[in-house]
Amino acid sequence: MSRFHGNTQPPAGSVLEQLLAKYVDYMDSLRRESFLDDQFTQLLKLQDENNPDFVGEVVSLFFQDSERLIGNMGTALGKKSVDYKQVDADVHQLKGSSSSIGAVRIKNVCVFFRNLCEAKNLEGCYRCLHEVTQECVVLKNKLNTLFMLQKQIVAAGGSIPVD
């Protein structure tokens, strides 16, 4: 059962109730498909009236940082003499930041990517770079949908449920 920030449950059948049900289902699907884990829920719990955009800001910083790191990895892998230690350091940083926001699939690709860096497997590293890039794009789109649902709930007079 979800805990709601703020008032009480909305009237049955209301637009707000429908939005809340859609939100809960969507969050469940993000967890079930391993896009997000409980760390993301912990971030949501830190968001309140005093810092209503906390999670959005953290996620925005994550994606800015991930784009920079992915760019660095691509540049390093494209050099004639690949510095696998540098690529690994960037992958390690991305793994840590993805863990901190609960981005499970990105973290898991990074774990595999680090093994390929250690093995100096250029082809495998390129595959992982492509995969981590794709996972970031998909997660960004999914989180944009989630944040849009949150805004609709607030605009309808509700508050965001936190498990």
N, C-alpha and C. Protein backbone atom coordinates (compact mmCIF):
# COMPACT_ATOMS: atom_id res chain seq x y z
N MET A 1 0.84 -1.19 0.00
CA MET A 1 0.00 0.00 0.00
C MET A 1 0.87 1.24 0.00
N SER A 2 0.53 2.20 -0.78
CA SER A 2 1.33 3.42 -0.90
C SER A 2 1.00 4.40 0.21
N ARG A 3 2.03 5.14 0.59
CA ARG A 3 1.86 6.23 1.55
C ARG A 3 1.82 7.51 0.73
N PHE A 4 0.91 8.40 1.06
CA PHE A 4 0.76 9.63 0.30
C PHE A 4 1.31 10.79 1.12
N HIS A 5 2.08 11.68 0.43
CA HIS A 5 2.47 12.94 1.04
C HIS A 5 1.23 13.81 1.00
N GLY A 6 0.88 14.46 2.08
CA GLY A 6 -0.24 15.39 2.04
C GLY A 6 -1.51 14.83 2.60
N ASN A 7 -2.63 15.20 1.96
CA ASN A 7 -3.97 14.95 2.47
C ASN A 7 -4.34 13.48 2.54
N THR A 8 -5.55 13.21 2.09
CA THR A 8 -6.09 11.85 2.17
C THR A 8 -6.28 11.31 0.75
N GLN A 9 -6.85 10.14 0.65
CA GLN A 9 -7.11 9.53 -0.65
C GLN A 9 -8.11 10.39 -1.42
N PRO A 10 -7.96 10.47 -2.74
CA PRO A 10 -8.92 11.23 -3.55
C PRO A 10 -10.23 10.48 -3.67
N PRO A 11 -11.30 11.18 -4.08
CA PRO A 11 -12.59 10.51 -4.27
C PRO A 11 -12.48 9.42 -5.34
N ALA A 12 -13.17 8.31 -5.10
CA ALA A 12 -13.13 7.18 -6.04
C ALA A 12 -13.60 7.63 -7.42
N GLY A 13 -12.88 7.19 -8.46
CA GLY A 13 -13.27 7.48 -9.82
C GLY A 13 -12.84 8.86 -10.32
N SER A 14 -12.22 9.64 -9.49
CA SER A 14 -11.82 10.99 -9.90
C SER A 14 -10.62 10.93 -10.84
N VAL A 15 -10.40 12.05 -11.54
CA VAL A 15 -9.23 12.15 -12.42
C VAL A 15 -7.97 11.96 -11.59
N LEU A 16 -7.95 12.55 -10.41
CA LEU A 16 -6.78 12.42 -9.54
C LEU A 16 -6.54 10.95 -9.17
N GLU A 17 -7.60 10.25 -8.83
CA GLU A 17 -7.45 8.83 -8.48
C GLU A 17 -6.90 8.04 -9.67
N GLN A 18 -7.38 8.36 -10.87
CA GLN A 18 -6.89 7.68 -12.07
C GLN A 18 -5.41 7.97 -12.31
N LEU A 19 -5.02 9.24 -12.13
CA LEU A 19 -3.61 9.60 -12.29
C LEU A 19 -2.73 8.89 -11.27
N LEU A 20 -3.21 8.83 -10.03
CA LEU A 20 -2.43 8.16 -8.98
C LEU A 20 -2.28 6.67 -9.29
N ALA A 21 -3.34 6.04 -9.75
CA ALA A 21 -3.27 4.61 -10.10
C ALA A 21 -2.30 4.40 -11.26
N LYS A 22 -2.35 5.29 -12.24
CA LYS A 22 -1.43 5.21 -13.39
C LYS A 22 0.01 5.38 -12.91
N TYR A 23 0.23 6.31 -12.00
CA TYR A 23 1.57 6.57 -11.45
C TYR A 23 2.11 5.34 -10.72
N VAL A 24 1.29 4.77 -9.85
CA VAL A 24 1.71 3.59 -9.08
C VAL A 24 2.02 2.43 -10.02
N ASP A 25 1.17 2.22 -11.03
CA ASP A 25 1.42 1.15 -12.01
C ASP A 25 2.71 1.40 -12.78
N TYR A 26 2.94 2.64 -13.15
CA TYR A 26 4.14 2.98 -13.91
C TYR A 26 5.40 2.76 -13.07
N MET A 27 5.35 3.20 -11.82
CA MET A 27 6.50 2.97 -10.92
C MET A 27 6.74 1.47 -10.75
N ASP A 28 5.68 0.71 -10.59
CA ASP A 28 5.82 -0.75 -10.46
C ASP A 28 6.48 -1.35 -11.70
N SER A 29 6.09 -0.86 -12.88
CA SER A 29 6.68 -1.40 -14.11
C SER A 29 8.17 -1.02 -14.21
N LEU A 30 8.53 0.18 -13.77
CA LEU A 30 9.94 0.58 -13.80
C LEU A 30 10.79 -0.31 -12.88
N ARG A 31 10.22 -0.70 -11.77
CA ARG A 31 10.93 -1.60 -10.85
C ARG A 31 10.97 -3.03 -11.43
N ARG A 32 9.84 -3.48 -11.90
CA ARG A 32 9.73 -4.84 -12.43
C ARG A 32 10.67 -5.06 -13.61
N GLU A 33 10.83 -4.03 -14.45
CA GLU A 33 11.70 -4.13 -15.63
C GLU A 33 13.15 -3.74 -15.30
N SER A 34 13.44 -3.57 -14.02
CA SER A 34 14.78 -3.25 -13.52
C SER A 34 15.35 -1.95 -14.05
N PHE A 35 14.49 -0.98 -14.34
CA PHE A 35 15.00 0.34 -14.68
C PHE A 35 15.41 1.06 -13.41
N LEU A 36 14.59 0.90 -12.36
CA LEU A 36 14.84 1.58 -11.09
C LEU A 36 14.74 0.59 -9.94
N ASP A 37 15.42 0.92 -8.83
CA ASP A 37 15.32 0.10 -7.63
C ASP A 37 14.93 0.98 -6.44
N ASP A 38 15.07 0.44 -5.25
CA ASP A 38 14.66 1.15 -4.04
C ASP A 38 15.46 2.42 -3.78
N GLN A 39 16.63 2.54 -4.36
CA GLN A 39 17.41 3.77 -4.18
C GLN A 39 16.64 4.96 -4.76
N PHE A 40 15.95 4.76 -5.86
CA PHE A 40 15.15 5.84 -6.45
C PHE A 40 14.01 6.21 -5.50
N THR A 41 13.41 5.22 -4.87
CA THR A 41 12.35 5.49 -3.89
C THR A 41 12.91 6.32 -2.74
N GLN A 42 14.12 6.02 -2.32
CA GLN A 42 14.75 6.81 -1.25
C GLN A 42 14.93 8.26 -1.68
N LEU A 43 15.29 8.48 -2.93
CA LEU A 43 15.40 9.86 -3.43
C LEU A 43 14.04 10.56 -3.37
N LEU A 44 12.99 9.83 -3.79
CA LEU A 44 11.65 10.42 -3.76
C LEU A 44 11.26 10.83 -2.34
N LYS A 45 11.67 10.06 -1.37
CA LYS A 45 11.34 10.37 0.03
C LYS A 45 12.04 11.62 0.51
N LEU A 46 13.14 12.00 -0.13
CA LEU A 46 13.87 13.22 0.26
C LEU A 46 13.24 14.48 -0.32
N GLN A 47 12.36 14.30 -1.29
CA GLN A 47 11.70 15.44 -1.92
C GLN A 47 10.52 15.88 -1.05
N ASP A 48 10.41 17.18 -0.81
CA ASP A 48 9.29 17.70 -0.01
C ASP A 48 8.92 19.10 -0.49
N GLU A 49 8.04 19.75 0.26
CA GLU A 49 7.57 21.09 -0.12
C GLU A 49 8.72 22.09 -0.20
N ASN A 50 9.73 21.92 0.65
CA ASN A 50 10.87 22.84 0.66
C ASN A 50 11.81 22.62 -0.52
N ASN A 51 11.78 21.44 -1.09
CA ASN A 51 12.64 21.11 -2.23
C ASN A 51 11.84 20.24 -3.21
N PRO A 52 10.81 20.84 -3.84
CA PRO A 52 9.90 20.05 -4.68
C PRO A 52 10.52 19.49 -5.96
N ASP A 53 11.65 20.05 -6.39
CA ASP A 53 12.29 19.59 -7.63
C ASP A 53 13.55 18.77 -7.37
N PHE A 54 13.71 18.29 -6.13
CA PHE A 54 14.94 17.60 -5.75
C PHE A 54 15.28 16.44 -6.69
N VAL A 55 14.34 15.54 -6.89
CA VAL A 55 14.62 14.34 -7.70
C VAL A 55 14.89 14.74 -9.15
N GLY A 56 14.14 15.67 -9.68
CA GLY A 56 14.37 16.14 -11.05
C GLY A 56 15.75 16.73 -11.21
N GLU A 57 16.19 17.49 -10.22
CA GLU A 57 17.53 18.09 -10.27
C GLU A 57 18.62 17.03 -10.20
N VAL A 58 18.45 16.06 -9.30
CA VAL A 58 19.44 14.98 -9.18
C VAL A 58 19.51 14.18 -10.48
N VAL A 59 18.37 13.86 -11.04
CA VAL A 59 18.32 13.09 -12.28
C VAL A 59 18.92 13.89 -13.44
N SER A 60 18.63 15.18 -13.49
CA SER A 60 19.20 16.04 -14.53
C SER A 60 20.73 16.06 -14.45
N LEU A 61 21.26 16.19 -13.24
CA LEU A 61 22.71 16.16 -13.06
C LEU A 61 23.28 14.80 -13.47
N PHE A 62 22.57 13.74 -13.13
CA PHE A 62 23.02 12.39 -13.52
C PHE A 62 23.15 12.29 -15.04
N PHE A 63 22.14 12.76 -15.78
CA PHE A 63 22.18 12.64 -17.23
C PHE A 63 23.23 13.56 -17.85
N GLN A 64 23.43 14.74 -17.28
CA GLN A 64 24.52 15.60 -17.77
C GLN A 64 25.86 14.91 -17.59
N ASP A 65 26.06 14.35 -16.41
CA ASP A 65 27.31 13.65 -16.10
C ASP A 65 27.47 12.41 -16.97
N SER A 66 26.39 11.66 -17.16
CA SER A 66 26.50 10.43 -17.96
C SER A 66 26.84 10.76 -19.41
N GLU A 67 26.27 11.83 -19.95
CA GLU A 67 26.59 12.22 -21.33
C GLU A 67 28.08 12.57 -21.45
N ARG A 68 28.60 13.29 -20.47
CA ARG A 68 30.02 13.65 -20.46
C ARG A 68 30.89 12.39 -20.39
N LEU A 69 30.54 11.48 -19.47
CA LEU A 69 31.33 10.26 -19.30
C LEU A 69 31.28 9.37 -20.55
N ILE A 70 30.11 9.24 -21.13
CA ILE A 70 29.96 8.43 -22.34
C ILE A 70 30.77 9.04 -23.49
N GLY A 71 30.75 10.35 -23.58
CA GLY A 71 31.57 11.03 -24.59
C GLY A 71 33.05 10.77 -24.37
N ASN A 72 33.48 10.85 -23.12
CA ASN A 72 34.88 10.56 -22.79
C ASN A 72 35.24 9.13 -23.16
N MET A 73 34.35 8.19 -22.85
CA MET A 73 34.63 6.78 -23.16
C MET A 73 34.76 6.57 -24.66
N GLY A 74 33.85 7.17 -25.43
CA GLY A 74 33.89 7.05 -26.88
C GLY A 74 35.18 7.61 -27.45
N THR A 75 35.60 8.77 -26.94
CA THR A 75 36.85 9.39 -27.38
C THR A 75 38.04 8.48 -27.06
N ALA A 76 38.08 7.98 -25.83
CA ALA A 76 39.20 7.13 -25.39
C ALA A 76 39.26 5.83 -26.20
N LEU A 77 38.09 5.25 -26.47
CA LEU A 77 38.07 3.99 -27.22
C LEU A 77 38.45 4.20 -28.69
N GLY A 78 38.26 5.41 -29.20
CA GLY A 78 38.57 5.71 -30.59
C GLY A 78 40.03 6.02 -30.85
N LYS A 79 40.82 6.15 -29.81
CA LYS A 79 42.24 6.46 -29.99
C LYS A 79 43.00 5.23 -30.45
N LYS A 80 44.11 5.49 -31.14
CA LYS A 80 44.94 4.40 -31.65
C LYS A 80 45.43 3.51 -30.52
N SER A 81 45.87 4.14 -29.44
CA SER A 81 46.32 3.39 -28.26
C SER A 81 45.31 3.66 -27.14
N VAL A 82 44.40 2.70 -26.93
CA VAL A 82 43.31 2.88 -25.97
C VAL A 82 43.85 2.82 -24.54
N ASP A 83 43.48 3.82 -23.74
CA ASP A 83 43.83 3.84 -22.32
C ASP A 83 42.66 3.19 -21.57
N TYR A 84 42.73 1.87 -21.42
CA TYR A 84 41.64 1.12 -20.79
C TYR A 84 41.45 1.52 -19.33
N LYS A 85 42.52 1.96 -18.68
CA LYS A 85 42.38 2.41 -17.28
C LYS A 85 41.51 3.66 -17.21
N GLN A 86 41.67 4.56 -18.16
CA GLN A 86 40.85 5.77 -18.19
C GLN A 86 39.40 5.43 -18.51
N VAL A 87 39.19 4.55 -19.49
CA VAL A 87 37.83 4.13 -19.83
C VAL A 87 37.19 3.49 -18.60
N ASP A 88 37.94 2.61 -17.93
CA ASP A 88 37.43 1.94 -16.74
C ASP A 88 37.08 2.95 -15.64
N ALA A 89 37.90 3.97 -15.49
CA ALA A 89 37.63 5.00 -14.46
C ALA A 89 36.32 5.72 -14.77
N ASP A 90 36.09 6.03 -16.05
CA ASP A 90 34.83 6.68 -16.43
C ASP A 90 33.64 5.74 -16.23
N VAL A 91 33.81 4.47 -16.59
CA VAL A 91 32.74 3.48 -16.41
C VAL A 91 32.45 3.32 -14.92
N HIS A 92 33.50 3.28 -14.12
CA HIS A 92 33.34 3.15 -12.67
C HIS A 92 32.55 4.34 -12.10
N GLN A 93 32.85 5.53 -12.57
CA GLN A 93 32.13 6.72 -12.11
C GLN A 93 30.66 6.65 -12.53
N LEU A 94 30.39 6.22 -13.76
CA LEU A 94 29.01 6.08 -14.23
C LEU A 94 28.28 5.01 -13.43
N LYS A 95 28.98 3.93 -13.13
CA LYS A 95 28.37 2.87 -12.32
C LYS A 95 27.96 3.41 -10.95
N GLY A 96 28.83 4.18 -10.33
CA GLY A 96 28.52 4.74 -9.01
C GLY A 96 27.36 5.72 -9.05
N SER A 97 27.35 6.60 -10.04
CA SER A 97 26.26 7.57 -10.10
C SER A 97 24.95 6.91 -10.48
N SER A 98 25.00 5.89 -11.32
CA SER A 98 23.76 5.19 -11.66
C SER A 98 23.22 4.43 -10.44
N SER A 99 24.11 3.87 -9.64
CA SER A 99 23.68 3.21 -8.39
C SER A 99 23.03 4.22 -7.45
N SER A 100 23.58 5.42 -7.40
CA SER A 100 23.09 6.41 -6.44
C SER A 100 21.68 6.91 -6.77
N ILE A 101 21.26 6.80 -8.03
CA ILE A 101 19.88 7.18 -8.36
C ILE A 101 18.98 5.96 -8.54
N GLY A 102 19.56 4.77 -8.44
CA GLY A 102 18.75 3.55 -8.57
C GLY A 102 18.56 3.07 -9.99
N ALA A 103 19.44 3.49 -10.90
CA ALA A 103 19.35 3.09 -12.31
C ALA A 103 20.02 1.73 -12.51
N VAL A 104 19.29 0.68 -12.23
CA VAL A 104 19.82 -0.67 -12.16
C VAL A 104 20.40 -1.16 -13.48
N ARG A 105 19.68 -0.98 -14.55
CA ARG A 105 20.13 -1.52 -15.84
C ARG A 105 21.43 -0.85 -16.29
N ILE A 106 21.54 0.44 -16.07
CA ILE A 106 22.78 1.14 -16.43
C ILE A 106 23.92 0.62 -15.57
N LYS A 107 23.66 0.49 -14.27
CA LYS A 107 24.69 -0.03 -13.36
C LYS A 107 25.15 -1.42 -13.81
N ASN A 108 24.21 -2.28 -14.18
CA ASN A 108 24.56 -3.65 -14.58
C ASN A 108 25.41 -3.68 -15.85
N VAL A 109 25.10 -2.81 -16.82
CA VAL A 109 25.92 -2.74 -18.03
C VAL A 109 27.33 -2.29 -17.65
N CYS A 110 27.42 -1.33 -16.73
CA CYS A 110 28.73 -0.83 -16.30
C CYS A 110 29.57 -1.93 -15.64
N VAL A 111 28.95 -2.79 -14.88
CA VAL A 111 29.68 -3.90 -14.25
C VAL A 111 30.32 -4.77 -15.34
N PHE A 112 29.55 -5.12 -16.35
CA PHE A 112 30.06 -5.94 -17.45
C PHE A 112 31.12 -5.17 -18.24
N PHE A 113 30.87 -3.88 -18.48
CA PHE A 113 31.78 -3.01 -19.21
C PHE A 113 33.15 -2.97 -18.53
N ARG A 114 33.15 -2.88 -17.21
CA ARG A 114 34.42 -2.83 -16.47
C ARG A 114 35.22 -4.11 -16.67
N ASN A 115 34.53 -5.25 -16.72
CA ASN A 115 35.22 -6.53 -16.97
C ASN A 115 35.88 -6.53 -18.35
N LEU A 116 35.20 -5.95 -19.33
CA LEU A 116 35.76 -5.89 -20.68
C LEU A 116 36.94 -4.92 -20.76
N CYS A 117 36.89 -3.86 -19.97
CA CYS A 117 38.04 -2.93 -19.90
C CYS A 117 39.25 -3.66 -19.34
N GLU A 118 39.00 -4.42 -18.28
CA GLU A 118 40.09 -5.18 -17.66
C GLU A 118 40.70 -6.18 -18.65
N ALA A 119 39.85 -6.79 -19.48
CA ALA A 119 40.31 -7.76 -20.47
C ALA A 119 40.86 -7.07 -21.73
N LYS A 120 40.75 -5.74 -21.78
CA LYS A 120 41.18 -4.95 -22.95
C LYS A 120 40.52 -5.45 -24.24
N ASN A 121 39.22 -5.71 -24.12
CA ASN A 121 38.41 -6.21 -25.23
C ASN A 121 37.75 -5.01 -25.91
N LEU A 122 38.40 -4.50 -26.97
CA LEU A 122 37.92 -3.29 -27.64
C LEU A 122 36.53 -3.46 -28.23
N GLU A 123 36.30 -4.57 -28.93
CA GLU A 123 34.98 -4.80 -29.54
C GLU A 123 33.89 -4.87 -28.47
N GLY A 124 34.17 -5.59 -27.39
CA GLY A 124 33.22 -5.70 -26.29
C GLY A 124 32.97 -4.35 -25.63
N CYS A 125 34.01 -3.56 -25.49
CA CYS A 125 33.85 -2.22 -24.90
C CYS A 125 32.95 -1.35 -25.77
N TYR A 126 33.15 -1.42 -27.09
CA TYR A 126 32.28 -0.65 -27.99
C TYR A 126 30.82 -1.11 -27.87
N ARG A 127 30.61 -2.42 -27.77
CA ARG A 127 29.23 -2.93 -27.60
C ARG A 127 28.62 -2.39 -26.30
N CYS A 128 29.41 -2.42 -25.22
CA CYS A 128 28.90 -1.92 -23.94
C CYS A 128 28.66 -0.41 -23.98
N LEU A 129 29.53 0.31 -24.67
CA LEU A 129 29.34 1.75 -24.81
C LEU A 129 28.01 2.03 -25.51
N HIS A 130 27.75 1.28 -26.57
CA HIS A 130 26.48 1.43 -27.28
C HIS A 130 25.31 1.07 -26.36
N GLU A 131 25.44 -0.02 -25.63
CA GLU A 131 24.36 -0.47 -24.75
C GLU A 131 24.10 0.52 -23.62
N VAL A 132 25.15 1.05 -23.01
CA VAL A 132 24.96 1.99 -21.91
C VAL A 132 24.35 3.29 -22.44
N THR A 133 24.73 3.68 -23.65
CA THR A 133 24.14 4.87 -24.27
C THR A 133 22.65 4.66 -24.48
N GLN A 134 22.28 3.50 -25.02
CA GLN A 134 20.87 3.18 -25.25
C GLN A 134 20.09 3.13 -23.94
N GLU A 135 20.66 2.52 -22.92
CA GLU A 135 19.97 2.43 -21.62
C GLU A 135 19.74 3.83 -21.03
N CYS A 136 20.69 4.72 -21.22
CA CYS A 136 20.52 6.10 -20.73
C CYS A 136 19.38 6.80 -21.45
N VAL A 137 19.31 6.62 -22.76
CA VAL A 137 18.23 7.24 -23.55
C VAL A 137 16.87 6.70 -23.10
N VAL A 138 16.77 5.39 -22.96
CA VAL A 138 15.49 4.78 -22.56
C VAL A 138 15.10 5.25 -21.16
N LEU A 139 16.06 5.25 -20.22
CA LEU A 139 15.73 5.68 -18.86
C LEU A 139 15.32 7.14 -18.83
N LYS A 140 16.01 7.97 -19.58
CA LYS A 140 15.67 9.40 -19.62
C LYS A 140 14.22 9.58 -20.08
N ASN A 141 13.83 8.86 -21.13
CA ASN A 141 12.46 8.94 -21.63
C ASN A 141 11.46 8.45 -20.59
N LYS A 142 11.79 7.35 -19.93
CA LYS A 142 10.88 6.81 -18.92
C LYS A 142 10.75 7.76 -17.73
N LEU A 143 11.85 8.37 -17.32
CA LEU A 143 11.78 9.32 -16.20
C LEU A 143 11.04 10.59 -16.59
N ASN A 144 11.18 11.02 -17.85
CA ASN A 144 10.40 12.18 -18.31
C ASN A 144 8.91 11.89 -18.21
N THR A 145 8.51 10.67 -18.57
CA THR A 145 7.10 10.27 -18.45
C THR A 145 6.68 10.27 -16.98
N LEU A 146 7.54 9.74 -16.12
CA LEU A 146 7.24 9.70 -14.69
C LEU A 146 7.07 11.12 -14.13
N PHE A 147 7.98 12.01 -14.49
CA PHE A 147 7.90 13.39 -13.98
C PHE A 147 6.68 14.11 -14.52
N MET A 148 6.28 13.79 -15.75
CA MET A 148 5.06 14.38 -16.31
C MET A 148 3.84 13.92 -15.51
N LEU A 149 3.81 12.63 -15.16
CA LEU A 149 2.71 12.12 -14.33
C LEU A 149 2.70 12.82 -12.97
N GLN A 150 3.87 13.02 -12.39
CA GLN A 150 3.95 13.71 -11.10
C GLN A 150 3.36 15.11 -11.20
N LYS A 151 3.70 15.83 -12.27
CA LYS A 151 3.18 17.20 -12.45
C LYS A 151 1.67 17.20 -12.62
N GLN A 152 1.15 16.20 -13.34
CA GLN A 152 -0.30 16.10 -13.53
C GLN A 152 -0.99 15.84 -12.19
N ILE A 153 -0.40 15.01 -11.37
CA ILE A 153 -0.98 14.70 -10.05
C ILE A 153 -1.02 15.96 -9.19
N VAL A 154 0.08 16.68 -9.15
CA VAL A 154 0.15 17.91 -8.36
C VAL A 154 -0.84 18.95 -8.91
N ALA A 155 -0.90 19.08 -10.24
CA ALA A 155 -1.83 20.04 -10.84
C ALA A 155 -3.28 19.69 -10.54
N ALA A 156 -3.57 18.40 -10.34
CA ALA A 156 -4.93 17.96 -10.03
C ALA A 156 -5.22 18.06 -8.52
N GLY A 157 -4.25 18.59 -7.76
CA GLY A 157 -4.46 18.79 -6.34
C GLY A 157 -3.99 17.65 -5.45
N GLY A 158 -3.27 16.71 -6.03
CA GLY A 158 -2.81 15.55 -5.27
C GLY A 158 -1.36 15.68 -4.85
N SER A 159 -0.89 14.63 -4.24
CA SER A 159 0.52 14.56 -3.87
C SER A 159 1.06 13.20 -4.31
N ILE A 160 2.37 13.15 -4.45
CA ILE A 160 3.03 11.99 -5.03
C ILE A 160 3.11 10.85 -4.01
N PRO A 161 2.62 9.67 -4.39
CA PRO A 161 2.74 8.52 -3.50
C PRO A 161 4.20 8.04 -3.42
N VAL A 162 4.60 7.68 -2.21
CA VAL A 162 5.94 7.13 -2.01
C VAL A 162 5.77 5.80 -1.29
N ASP A 163 6.33 4.75 -1.87
CA ASP A 163 6.22 3.40 -1.27
C ASP A 163 6.99 3.31 0.02
